[in-house]
Amino acid sequence: MTDRTARAARNQENSLAAFLTKKAEFDALLAELTQASADHFGADPETVLWGEAAWLSDATAKLKDIADQHFRRGEYEA
């Protein structure tokens, strides 16, 4: 194996390790959000007000942007 090939292999291994670390963090955040969603994000459905609706609208817009980036929709379309 040449030095260049060995460096490329190490780079790929390090990239994969970093990716898997971030994926585990992402998956943990998704699990937390899924649980929070099941609990209405702590809002009481009987007394929910516009503040909770506005917060959820903002959070949804952020998640939509992430999904659009990944699926190349909207402004991220090729």
N, C-alpha and C. Protein backbone atom coordinates (compact mmCIF):
# COMPACT_ATOMS: atom_id res chain seq x y z
N MET A 1 0.85 -1.17 0.00
CA MET A 1 0.00 0.00 0.00
C MET A 1 0.90 1.24 0.00
N THR A 2 0.62 2.16 -0.89
CA THR A 2 1.43 3.37 -0.96
C THR A 2 1.05 4.31 0.18
N ASP A 3 1.91 5.28 0.43
CA ASP A 3 1.65 6.26 1.49
C ASP A 3 0.36 7.04 1.19
N ARG A 4 0.16 7.36 -0.06
CA ARG A 4 -1.05 8.10 -0.46
C ARG A 4 -2.30 7.25 -0.23
N THR A 5 -2.23 5.98 -0.57
CA THR A 5 -3.36 5.07 -0.37
C THR A 5 -3.65 4.90 1.12
N ALA A 6 -2.58 4.78 1.91
CA ALA A 6 -2.74 4.63 3.36
C ALA A 6 -3.38 5.88 3.97
N ARG A 7 -2.95 7.06 3.52
CA ARG A 7 -3.54 8.31 4.01
C ARG A 7 -5.02 8.39 3.63
N ALA A 8 -5.33 8.00 2.41
CA ALA A 8 -6.72 8.03 1.95
C ALA A 8 -7.57 7.07 2.79
N ALA A 9 -7.03 5.90 3.10
CA ALA A 9 -7.77 4.92 3.91
C ALA A 9 -7.99 5.46 5.33
N ARG A 10 -6.96 6.07 5.92
CA ARG A 10 -7.10 6.66 7.26
C ARG A 10 -8.12 7.80 7.23
N ASN A 11 -8.06 8.61 6.20
CA ASN A 11 -9.00 9.72 6.07
C ASN A 11 -10.43 9.20 6.00
N GLN A 12 -10.65 8.14 5.23
CA GLN A 12 -11.99 7.57 5.12
C GLN A 12 -12.45 7.00 6.46
N GLU A 13 -11.56 6.31 7.16
CA GLU A 13 -11.90 5.74 8.47
C GLU A 13 -12.25 6.86 9.46
N ASN A 14 -11.46 7.93 9.46
CA ASN A 14 -11.72 9.05 10.37
C ASN A 14 -13.03 9.76 10.01
N SER A 15 -13.29 9.89 8.72
CA SER A 15 -14.54 10.50 8.27
C SER A 15 -15.73 9.66 8.71
N LEU A 16 -15.63 8.35 8.56
CA LEU A 16 -16.71 7.46 8.97
C LEU A 16 -16.93 7.55 10.48
N ALA A 17 -15.86 7.57 11.26
CA ALA A 17 -16.00 7.67 12.71
C ALA A 17 -16.69 8.97 13.11
N ALA A 18 -16.31 10.07 12.48
CA ALA A 18 -16.94 11.36 12.78
C ALA A 18 -18.42 11.33 12.37
N PHE A 19 -18.70 10.76 11.20
CA PHE A 19 -20.08 10.66 10.73
C PHE A 19 -20.93 9.85 11.70
N LEU A 20 -20.43 8.70 12.12
CA LEU A 20 -21.20 7.83 13.01
C LEU A 20 -21.41 8.47 14.38
N THR A 21 -20.43 9.24 14.85
CA THR A 21 -20.59 9.96 16.12
C THR A 21 -21.70 10.99 16.00
N LYS A 22 -21.71 11.76 14.92
CA LYS A 22 -22.75 12.77 14.72
C LYS A 22 -24.11 12.12 14.46
N LYS A 23 -24.12 10.98 13.77
CA LYS A 23 -25.39 10.28 13.53
C LYS A 23 -25.99 9.80 14.85
N ALA A 24 -25.16 9.30 15.75
CA ALA A 24 -25.66 8.87 17.06
C ALA A 24 -26.24 10.06 17.83
N GLU A 25 -25.58 11.21 17.75
CA GLU A 25 -26.10 12.42 18.40
C GLU A 25 -27.43 12.83 17.77
N PHE A 26 -27.50 12.80 16.44
CA PHE A 26 -28.71 13.14 15.71
C PHE A 26 -29.85 12.20 16.11
N ASP A 27 -29.57 10.90 16.13
CA ASP A 27 -30.60 9.92 16.49
C ASP A 27 -31.10 10.13 17.92
N ALA A 28 -30.19 10.48 18.83
CA ALA A 28 -30.59 10.75 20.22
C ALA A 28 -31.50 11.97 20.29
N LEU A 29 -31.17 13.01 19.53
CA LEU A 29 -32.01 14.20 19.51
C LEU A 29 -33.39 13.90 18.92
N LEU A 30 -33.42 13.10 17.85
CA LEU A 30 -34.71 12.71 17.27
C LEU A 30 -35.56 11.93 18.28
N ALA A 31 -34.92 11.03 19.02
CA ALA A 31 -35.65 10.26 20.03
C ALA A 31 -36.21 11.17 21.12
N GLU A 32 -35.41 12.14 21.54
CA GLU A 32 -35.88 13.11 22.55
C GLU A 32 -37.06 13.92 22.02
N LEU A 33 -36.94 14.39 20.79
CA LEU A 33 -38.02 15.19 20.20
C LEU A 33 -39.27 14.36 19.99
N THR A 34 -39.11 13.10 19.60
CA THR A 34 -40.26 12.22 19.42
C THR A 34 -41.00 12.03 20.74
N GLN A 35 -40.25 11.84 21.82
CA GLN A 35 -40.86 11.69 23.14
C GLN A 35 -41.54 12.98 23.56
N ALA A 36 -40.87 14.10 23.35
CA ALA A 36 -41.46 15.40 23.71
C ALA A 36 -42.73 15.66 22.90
N SER A 37 -42.72 15.28 21.63
CA SER A 37 -43.90 15.46 20.78
C SER A 37 -45.08 14.64 21.30
N ALA A 38 -44.79 13.41 21.72
CA ALA A 38 -45.84 12.56 22.26
C ALA A 38 -46.47 13.18 23.51
N ASP A 39 -45.68 14.03 24.19
CA ASP A 39 -46.16 14.71 25.39
C ASP A 39 -46.58 16.15 25.08
N HIS A 40 -46.87 16.43 23.80
CA HIS A 40 -47.29 17.77 23.36
C HIS A 40 -46.27 18.85 23.73
N PHE A 41 -44.99 18.48 23.78
CA PHE A 41 -43.91 19.40 24.12
C PHE A 41 -44.17 20.11 25.45
N GLY A 42 -44.81 19.39 26.35
CA GLY A 42 -45.07 19.93 27.68
C GLY A 42 -46.26 20.88 27.76
N ALA A 43 -46.92 21.12 26.64
CA ALA A 43 -48.07 22.01 26.64
C ALA A 43 -49.33 21.24 27.02
N ASP A 44 -50.16 21.85 27.81
CA ASP A 44 -51.43 21.25 28.18
C ASP A 44 -52.43 21.55 27.06
N PRO A 45 -52.91 20.54 26.33
CA PRO A 45 -53.85 20.78 25.23
C PRO A 45 -55.09 21.56 25.64
N GLU A 46 -55.43 21.50 26.91
CA GLU A 46 -56.62 22.21 27.39
C GLU A 46 -56.36 23.71 27.60
N THR A 47 -55.08 24.10 27.73
CA THR A 47 -54.78 25.50 28.02
C THR A 47 -53.74 26.10 27.08
N VAL A 48 -53.46 25.42 25.97
CA VAL A 48 -52.43 25.89 25.05
C VAL A 48 -52.78 27.30 24.53
N LEU A 49 -51.74 28.13 24.43
CA LEU A 49 -51.92 29.50 23.94
C LEU A 49 -51.01 29.74 22.74
N TRP A 50 -51.07 30.95 22.19
CA TRP A 50 -50.35 31.27 20.96
C TRP A 50 -48.83 31.12 21.10
N GLY A 51 -48.30 31.31 22.28
CA GLY A 51 -46.85 31.16 22.47
C GLY A 51 -46.38 29.75 22.13
N GLU A 52 -47.12 28.76 22.59
CA GLU A 52 -46.77 27.37 22.28
C GLU A 52 -46.93 27.10 20.78
N ALA A 53 -47.97 27.64 20.18
CA ALA A 53 -48.19 27.46 18.74
C ALA A 53 -47.07 28.12 17.95
N ALA A 54 -46.64 29.30 18.37
CA ALA A 54 -45.56 30.01 17.67
C ALA A 54 -44.24 29.26 17.81
N TRP A 55 -43.97 28.75 19.02
CA TRP A 55 -42.74 27.99 19.22
C TRP A 55 -42.72 26.75 18.32
N LEU A 56 -43.85 26.04 18.27
CA LEU A 56 -43.93 24.83 17.45
C LEU A 56 -43.81 25.16 15.97
N SER A 57 -44.37 26.28 15.56
CA SER A 57 -44.24 26.72 14.17
C SER A 57 -42.78 26.98 13.81
N ASP A 58 -42.05 27.64 14.70
CA ASP A 58 -40.63 27.93 14.48
C ASP A 58 -39.82 26.63 14.43
N ALA A 59 -40.07 25.72 15.37
CA ALA A 59 -39.35 24.44 15.40
C ALA A 59 -39.64 23.62 14.15
N THR A 60 -40.89 23.63 13.69
CA THR A 60 -41.26 22.90 12.48
C THR A 60 -40.56 23.47 11.26
N ALA A 61 -40.46 24.79 11.18
CA ALA A 61 -39.76 25.43 10.05
C ALA A 61 -38.29 25.02 10.01
N LYS A 62 -37.66 24.91 11.18
CA LYS A 62 -36.26 24.49 11.24
C LYS A 62 -36.10 23.04 10.78
N LEU A 63 -36.99 22.18 11.22
CA LEU A 63 -36.94 20.78 10.80
C LEU A 63 -37.23 20.64 9.31
N LYS A 64 -38.17 21.44 8.81
CA LYS A 64 -38.49 21.42 7.38
C LYS A 64 -37.26 21.82 6.57
N ASP A 65 -36.53 22.82 7.03
CA ASP A 65 -35.32 23.24 6.33
C ASP A 65 -34.30 22.11 6.27
N ILE A 66 -34.14 21.40 7.36
CA ILE A 66 -33.21 20.25 7.39
C ILE A 66 -33.68 19.18 6.41
N ALA A 67 -34.97 18.87 6.41
CA ALA A 67 -35.50 17.86 5.49
C ALA A 67 -35.35 18.31 4.04
N ASP A 68 -35.61 19.59 3.79
CA ASP A 68 -35.46 20.11 2.43
C ASP A 68 -34.01 20.02 1.96
N GLN A 69 -33.06 20.30 2.84
CA GLN A 69 -31.65 20.16 2.48
C GLN A 69 -31.33 18.72 2.10
N HIS A 70 -31.76 17.80 2.95
CA HIS A 70 -31.44 16.39 2.72
C HIS A 70 -32.09 15.87 1.44
N PHE A 71 -33.36 16.20 1.24
CA PHE A 71 -34.09 15.67 0.09
C PHE A 71 -34.02 16.57 -1.14
N ARG A 72 -33.23 17.64 -1.04
CA ARG A 72 -33.01 18.60 -2.13
C ARG A 72 -34.34 19.13 -2.68
N ARG A 73 -35.12 19.69 -1.76
CA ARG A 73 -36.40 20.29 -2.11
C ARG A 73 -36.30 21.80 -1.96
N GLY A 74 -37.27 22.49 -2.55
CA GLY A 74 -37.35 23.93 -2.39
C GLY A 74 -36.09 24.63 -2.85
N GLU A 75 -35.57 25.52 -2.03
CA GLU A 75 -34.39 26.30 -2.41
C GLU A 75 -33.13 25.43 -2.59
N TYR A 76 -33.16 24.22 -2.10
CA TYR A 76 -32.01 23.32 -2.20
C TYR A 76 -32.09 22.39 -3.42
N GLU A 77 -33.16 22.54 -4.19
CA GLU A 77 -33.35 21.70 -5.37
C GLU A 77 -32.23 21.97 -6.37
N ALA A 78 -31.73 20.90 -6.95
CA ALA A 78 -30.61 21.02 -7.89
C ALA A 78 -31.04 21.57 -9.22
